[in-house]
Amino acid sequence: MALHNKVRFRAVSPIQIGSVVSGQRKVSSVSTLIFDGGTARDYLFVKNLGSPSVYVRPALTVGTTTGEVLAKGEFAVYEGYRGPLRGITAGGTVSVYYEVG
């Protein structure tokens, strides 16, 4: 379940802050691995930094009909998710920012 464009605050310990991983990926019309998953995390945040829209899905595969669409500047937060996050565009290339903690 994703939270779209909502901000929630909660206290975190310094250890949790130190375990944040972030980066950027270029996503194209070919299914792209944004984050490979691994150990359980408190959250996974992904934001579309440009145009065109990007379709994201916390799964092994993604398509323009199966992913959640994020237009320029929109984001999604997946809480307690463990696994890969993939993205795809209908055409063109866009950068996305991701953060897991």
Protein backbone atom coordinates (compact mmCIF):
# COMPACT_ATOMS: atom_id res chain seq x y z
CA MET A 1 0.00 0.00 0.00
CA ALA A 2 1.47 3.35 -0.98
CA LEU A 3 0.88 6.77 0.46
CA HIS A 4 0.87 9.39 -2.26
CA ASN A 5 1.97 12.96 -1.64
CA LYS A 6 1.33 12.75 2.09
CA VAL A 7 3.85 13.57 4.77
CA ARG A 8 3.93 11.71 8.06
CA PHE A 9 6.42 12.41 10.81
CA ARG A 10 7.61 10.10 13.53
CA ALA A 11 10.55 9.94 15.89
CA VAL A 12 13.53 7.90 14.74
CA SER A 13 16.64 6.87 16.61
CA PRO A 14 20.13 7.91 15.41
CA ILE A 15 20.75 4.31 14.31
CA GLN A 16 17.79 4.45 11.93
CA ILE A 17 18.96 7.78 10.54
CA GLY A 18 22.39 6.28 9.83
CA SER A 19 20.87 3.45 7.81
CA VAL A 20 19.18 5.62 5.17
CA VAL A 21 20.18 4.80 1.60
CA SER A 22 19.31 7.15 -1.26
CA GLY A 23 20.13 7.71 -4.89
CA GLN A 24 18.86 8.48 -8.38
CA ARG A 25 18.11 6.24 -11.33
CA LYS A 26 17.26 6.98 -14.94
CA VAL A 27 14.09 5.17 -15.97
CA SER A 28 13.19 4.54 -19.61
CA SER A 29 10.63 2.60 -21.64
CA VAL A 30 12.40 -0.60 -20.61
CA SER A 31 11.58 -1.97 -17.12
CA THR A 32 14.27 -0.51 -14.83
CA LEU A 33 15.34 -1.66 -11.37
CA ILE A 34 15.18 1.42 -9.11
CA PHE A 35 16.03 -0.34 -5.85
CA ASP A 36 16.92 -4.00 -5.39
CA GLY A 37 15.28 -4.55 -2.01
CA GLY A 38 17.14 -6.71 0.43
CA THR A 39 16.52 -6.43 4.14
CA ALA A 40 13.24 -5.14 5.56
CA ARG A 41 13.04 -1.37 5.74
CA ASP A 42 10.74 1.06 7.53
CA TYR A 43 9.93 2.84 4.28
CA LEU A 44 10.78 3.19 0.60
CA PHE A 45 10.26 6.66 -0.91
CA VAL A 46 10.33 7.31 -4.67
CA LYS A 47 9.84 10.65 -6.48
CA ASN A 48 9.63 11.51 -10.17
CA LEU A 49 12.10 14.36 -10.80
CA GLY A 50 10.98 15.27 -14.29
CA SER A 51 8.94 14.48 -17.34
CA PRO A 52 7.55 12.08 -18.66
CA SER A 53 5.44 10.29 -16.06
CA VAL A 54 6.94 7.15 -14.55
CA TYR A 55 5.08 4.01 -13.57
CA VAL A 56 6.44 2.33 -10.45
CA ARG A 57 5.66 -0.98 -8.84
CA PRO A 58 7.14 -2.78 -5.85
CA ALA A 59 7.51 -6.10 -7.67
CA LEU A 60 9.72 -8.06 -10.05
CA THR A 61 7.94 -6.65 -13.12
CA VAL A 62 6.23 -3.38 -14.05
CA GLY A 63 4.27 -2.09 -17.02
CA THR A 64 2.36 1.04 -17.93
CA THR A 65 -0.86 -0.80 -17.05
CA THR A 66 0.36 -2.40 -13.81
CA GLY A 67 2.42 0.37 -12.20
CA GLU A 68 1.34 3.36 -10.12
CA VAL A 69 1.74 6.49 -12.23
CA LEU A 70 3.84 9.35 -10.84
CA ALA A 71 3.75 12.60 -12.80
CA LYS A 72 6.53 15.20 -12.50
CA GLY A 73 7.13 16.02 -8.82
CA GLU A 74 4.82 13.31 -7.47
CA PHE A 75 6.01 10.68 -5.03
CA ALA A 76 4.97 7.47 -3.31
CA VAL A 77 5.95 5.98 0.03
CA TYR A 78 5.82 2.25 0.69
CA GLU A 79 5.91 1.46 4.40
CA GLY A 80 7.48 -1.76 5.65
CA TYR A 81 8.16 -3.01 2.12
CA ARG A 82 10.84 -5.61 1.45
CA GLY A 83 11.76 -6.33 -2.14
CA PRO A 84 12.62 -4.66 -5.44
CA LEU A 85 11.09 -1.49 -6.86
CA ARG A 86 10.89 -1.19 -10.64
CA GLY A 87 9.90 1.66 -12.93
CA ILE A 88 9.06 2.26 -16.59
CA THR A 89 7.93 5.15 -18.82
CA ALA A 90 5.57 5.07 -21.79
CA GLY A 91 8.38 6.73 -23.79
CA GLY A 92 11.45 8.80 -23.07
CA THR A 93 13.73 8.84 -20.04
CA VAL A 94 13.25 10.42 -16.62
CA SER A 95 15.26 10.57 -13.39
CA VAL A 96 13.73 9.34 -10.15
CA TYR A 97 14.99 9.82 -6.61
CA TYR A 98 14.67 6.99 -4.13
CA GLU A 99 15.30 6.74 -0.41
CA VAL A 100 14.98 3.77 1.92
CA GLY A 101 15.35 3.75 5.66
